[in-house]
C-alpha atoms as a PDB file:
ATOM      1  CA  MET A   1     -19.188  -0.334   8.034  1.00  0.00           C
ATOM      2  CA  ASN A   2     -17.845   1.080  11.253  1.00  0.00           C
ATOM      3  CA  PHE A   3     -17.831   4.482  12.889  1.00  0.00           C
ATOM      4  CA  GLU A   4     -14.115   5.077  12.258  1.00  0.00           C
ATOM      5  CA  VAL A   5     -14.497   4.548   8.503  1.00  0.00           C
ATOM      6  CA  ILE A   6     -17.457   6.929   8.316  1.00  0.00           C
ATOM      7  CA  THR A   7     -15.894   9.675  10.434  1.00  0.00           C
ATOM      8  CA  LYS A   8     -12.496   9.640   8.691  1.00  0.00           C
ATOM      9  CA  ASN A   9     -14.123   9.897   5.281  1.00  0.00           C
ATOM     10  CA  ALA A  10     -16.584  12.556   6.464  1.00  0.00           C
ATOM     11  CA  LEU A  11     -13.726  14.629   7.921  1.00  0.00           C
ATOM     12  CA  ARG A  12     -11.741  14.393   4.675  1.00  0.00           C
ATOM     13  CA  ILE A  13     -14.735  15.266   2.500  1.00  0.00           C
ATOM     14  CA  MET A  14     -15.830  18.232   4.623  1.00  0.00           C
ATOM     15  CA  ALA A  15     -12.284  19.577   5.046  1.00  0.00           C
ATOM     16  CA  GLY A  16     -11.750  19.481   1.286  1.00  0.00           C
ATOM     17  CA  PHE A  17     -15.175  20.998   0.614  1.00  0.00           C
ATOM     18  CA  LEU A  18     -14.533  23.889   2.999  1.00  0.00           C
ATOM     19  CA  PHE A  19     -10.897  24.404   2.002  1.00  0.00           C
ATOM     20  CA  TRP A  20     -11.390  24.739  -1.783  1.00  0.00           C
ATOM     21  CA  GLN A  21     -13.758  27.632  -1.113  1.00  0.00           C
ATOM     22  CA  HIS A  22     -10.873  29.679   0.336  1.00  0.00           C
ATOM     23  CA  GLY A  23      -8.965  29.114  -2.895  1.00  0.00           C
ATOM     24  CA  ALA A  24     -12.021  30.033  -4.967  1.00  0.00           C
ATOM     25  CA  GLN A  25     -12.191  33.325  -3.078  1.00  0.00           C
ATOM     26  CA  LYS A  26      -8.561  34.118  -3.848  1.00  0.00           C
ATOM     27  CA  LEU A  27      -8.396  32.901  -7.453  1.00  0.00           C
ATOM     28  CA  PHE A  28     -11.854  33.795  -8.764  1.00  0.00           C
ATOM     29  CA  GLY A  29     -13.352  36.270  -6.272  1.00  0.00           C
ATOM     30  CA  MET A  30     -16.168  33.823  -5.488  1.00  0.00           C
ATOM     31  CA  PHE A  31     -18.065  33.843  -2.188  1.00  0.00           C
ATOM     32  CA  GLU A  32     -17.493  37.582  -1.751  1.00  0.00           C
ATOM     33  CA  GLY A  33     -13.729  37.063  -1.801  1.00  0.00           C
ATOM     34  CA  ASN A  34     -11.004  39.392  -2.971  1.00  0.00           C
ATOM     35  CA  ARG A  35      -9.482  38.043  -6.184  1.00  0.00           C
ATOM     36  CA  VAL A  36      -5.664  38.154  -6.329  1.00  0.00           C
ATOM     37  CA  GLU A  37      -4.024  40.191  -9.088  1.00  0.00           C
ATOM     38  CA  SER A  38      -2.056  37.191 -10.339  1.00  0.00           C
ATOM     39  CA  TRP A  39      -2.094  33.504  -9.551  1.00  0.00           C
ATOM     40  CA  LEU A  40       1.707  33.757  -9.395  1.00  0.00           C
ATOM     41  CA  SER A  41       1.726  36.427  -6.682  1.00  0.00           C
ATOM     42  CA  TRP A  42       3.370  35.583  -3.378  1.00  0.00           C
ATOM     43  CA  PRO A  43       1.928  34.462  -1.001  1.00  0.00           C
ATOM     44  CA  LEU A  44      -1.784  34.802  -1.836  1.00  0.00           C
ATOM     45  CA  GLY A  45      -1.640  33.498  -5.414  1.00  0.00           C
ATOM     46  CA  LEU A  46       0.225  30.371  -4.368  1.00  0.00           C
ATOM     47  CA  ALA A  47      -2.075  29.964  -1.369  1.00  0.00           C
ATOM     48  CA  GLY A  48      -5.113  30.202  -3.663  1.00  0.00           C
ATOM     49  CA  ILE A  49      -3.727  27.533  -5.982  1.00  0.00           C
ATOM     50  CA  LEU A  50      -2.957  25.184  -3.080  1.00  0.00           C
ATOM     51  CA  GLU A  51      -6.320  25.803  -1.433  1.00  0.00           C
ATOM     52  CA  PHE A  52      -8.457  25.461  -4.557  1.00  0.00           C
ATOM     53  CA  PHE A  53      -6.807  22.469  -6.205  1.00  0.00           C
ATOM     54  CA  GLY A  54      -5.630  20.885  -2.944  1.00  0.00           C
ATOM     55  CA  GLY A  55      -9.129  21.163  -1.482  1.00  0.00           C
ATOM     56  CA  ILE A  56     -10.613  19.416  -4.508  1.00  0.00           C
ATOM     57  CA  LEU A  57      -7.997  16.634  -4.309  1.00  0.00           C
ATOM     58  CA  ILE A  58      -8.649  16.167  -0.580  1.00  0.00           C
ATOM     59  CA  PHE A  59     -12.420  16.140  -1.189  1.00  0.00           C
ATOM     60  CA  LEU A  60     -12.045  13.398  -3.795  1.00  0.00           C
ATOM     61  CA  GLY A  61      -9.317  11.571  -1.880  1.00  0.00           C
ATOM     62  CA  VAL A  62      -6.721  11.767  -4.664  1.00  0.00           C
ATOM     63  CA  PHE A  63      -3.066  11.642  -3.524  1.00  0.00           C
ATOM     64  CA  THR A  64      -4.460  12.331  -0.064  1.00  0.00           C
ATOM     65  CA  ARG A  65      -1.290  11.798   1.967  1.00  0.00           C
ATOM     66  CA  PRO A  66       1.120  14.000  -0.027  1.00  0.00           C
ATOM     67  CA  VAL A  67      -1.501  16.691  -0.657  1.00  0.00           C
ATOM     68  CA  ALA A  68      -2.502  16.757   3.023  1.00  0.00           C
ATOM     69  CA  PHE A  69       1.164  17.054   4.028  1.00  0.00           C
ATOM     70  CA  VAL A  70       1.671  20.076   1.754  1.00  0.00           C
ATOM     71  CA  LEU A  71      -1.577  21.711   2.903  1.00  0.00           C
ATOM     72  CA  SER A  72      -0.711  21.140   6.548  1.00  0.00           C
ATOM     73  CA  GLY A  73       2.579  22.936   5.943  1.00  0.00           C
ATOM     74  CA  GLN A  74       0.791  25.732   4.097  1.00  0.00           C
ATOM     75  CA  MET A  75      -1.526  26.278   7.041  1.00  0.00           C
ATOM     76  CA  ALA A  76       1.388  26.263   9.491  1.00  0.00           C
ATOM     77  CA  VAL A  77       3.158  28.903   7.379  1.00  0.00           C
ATOM     78  CA  ALA A  78      -0.062  30.933   7.139  1.00  0.00           C
ATOM     79  CA  TYR A  79      -0.456  30.809  10.906  1.00  0.00           C
ATOM     80  CA  PHE A  80       3.112  31.850  11.655  1.00  0.00           C
ATOM     81  CA  MET A  81       3.259  34.554   8.958  1.00  0.00           C
ATOM     82  CA  SER A  82      -0.186  36.109   9.305  1.00  0.00           C
ATOM     83  CA  HIS A  83      -1.625  35.294  12.705  1.00  0.00           C
ATOM     84  CA  LEU A  84       1.097  34.772  15.305  1.00  0.00           C
ATOM     85  CA  PRO A  85       2.477  38.321  14.873  1.00  0.00           C
ATOM     86  CA  ARG A  86      -0.943  39.576  16.080  1.00  0.00           C
ATOM     87  CA  GLY A  87      -0.706  37.667  19.370  1.00  0.00           C
ATOM     88  CA  PHE A  88      -0.166  34.195  20.827  1.00  0.00           C
ATOM     89  CA  TRP A  89      -3.727  32.903  21.246  1.00  0.00           C
ATOM     90  CA  PRO A  90      -5.425  31.703  18.025  1.00  0.00           C
ATOM     91  CA  ILE A  91      -8.850  32.878  19.194  1.00  0.00           C
ATOM     92  CA  MET A  92      -7.481  36.398  19.583  1.00  0.00           C
ATOM     93  CA  ASN A  93      -5.232  36.565  16.494  1.00  0.00           C
ATOM     94  CA  GLY A  94      -7.793  35.122  14.047  1.00  0.00           C
ATOM     95  CA  GLY A  95      -5.753  31.996  13.422  1.00  0.00           C
ATOM     96  CA  GLU A  96      -8.075  29.286  14.706  1.00  0.00           C
ATOM     97  CA  ARG A  97      -9.093  28.188  11.181  1.00  0.00           C
ATOM     98  CA  ALA A  98      -5.474  27.977  10.033  1.00  0.00           C
ATOM     99  CA  ALA A  99      -4.509  25.994  13.152  1.00  0.00           C
ATOM    100  CA  LEU A 100      -7.486  23.657  12.825  1.00  0.00           C
ATOM    101  CA  PHE A 101      -6.930  23.017   9.102  1.00  0.00           C
ATOM    102  CA  CYS A 102      -3.231  22.426   9.824  1.00  0.00           C
ATOM    103  CA  PHE A 103      -4.001  19.630  12.263  1.00  0.00           C
ATOM    104  CA  ILE A 104      -6.846  18.160  10.193  1.00  0.00           C
ATOM    105  CA  PHE A 105      -4.474  17.869   7.236  1.00  0.00           C
ATOM    106  CA  LEU A 106      -1.769  16.439   9.498  1.00  0.00           C
ATOM    107  CA  PHE A 107      -4.278  13.787  10.585  1.00  0.00           C
ATOM    108  CA  LEU A 108      -5.197  13.031   6.956  1.00  0.00           C
ATOM    109  CA  TRP A 109      -1.507  12.722   6.089  1.00  0.00           C
ATOM    110  CA  ALA A 110      -1.178  10.050   8.786  1.00  0.00           C
ATOM    111  CA  ALA A 111      -4.547   8.343   8.201  1.00  0.00           C
ATOM    112  CA  GLY A 112      -4.816   8.449   4.406  1.00  0.00           C
ATOM    113  CA  GLY A 113      -7.861   8.994   2.254  1.00  0.00           C
ATOM    114  CA  GLY A 114     -10.089   6.254   3.588  1.00  0.00           C
ATOM    115  CA  ASP A 115     -12.236   3.677   1.843  1.00  0.00           C
ATOM    116  CA  PHE A 116     -14.534   6.169   0.098  1.00  0.00           C
ATOM    117  CA  SER A 117     -11.800   7.926  -1.837  1.00  0.00           C
ATOM    118  CA  VAL A 118     -10.091   7.579  -5.182  1.00  0.00           C
ATOM    119  CA  ASP A 119      -7.005   6.421  -3.245  1.00  0.00           C
ATOM    120  CA  GLY A 120      -9.076   3.729  -1.512  1.00  0.00           C
ATOM    121  CA  TRP A 121     -10.651   2.627  -4.790  1.00  0.00           C
ATOM    122  CA  LEU A 122      -7.234   2.340  -6.466  1.00  0.00           C
ATOM    123  CA  LYS A 123      -5.862   0.380  -3.508  1.00  0.00           C
ATOM    124  CA  LYS A 124      -8.737  -2.132  -3.673  1.00  0.00           C
ATOM    125  CA  ARG A 125      -8.283  -2.443  -7.417  1.00  0.00           C
ATOM    126  CA  ARG A 126      -4.532  -3.145  -7.040  1.00  0.00           C
ATOM    127  CA  GLU A 127      -5.230  -5.745  -4.361  1.00  0.00           C
ATOM    128  CA  ARG A 128      -7.737  -7.538  -6.607  1.00  0.00           C
ATOM    129  CA  GLY A 129      -5.297  -7.450  -9.517  1.00  0.00           C
ATOM    130  CA  SER A 130      -2.435  -8.953  -7.517  1.00  0.00           C
ATOM    131  CA  ARG A 131      -4.422 -12.090  -6.619  1.00  0.00           C
END
């Protein structure tokens, strides 16, 4: 087991673990969050759905590449809609989390779920079955 394998999987697991909590705040009012009126409300209801279920999928490493691509786009939209109008610098406009999640998910889109993921398990299983 090498350092790259451990760090990629740790990054995916922690990003998913932290991200689903934002969705739990929006959808269920957990963690002292403000619950949205409706899961179908724009943009917070949709954001809550993507964050909660997307975070769980990233945590488990299920459909990692497509989910990470969608979540990266969501965070880019969140940054440009909510944070950039308050100023250019992320540290001053409150957008550093959105920017960081955007690029973490972009990395996961390129790198995939890793060996310790459902995606990795399915890949190994397919490779064994094709022999």
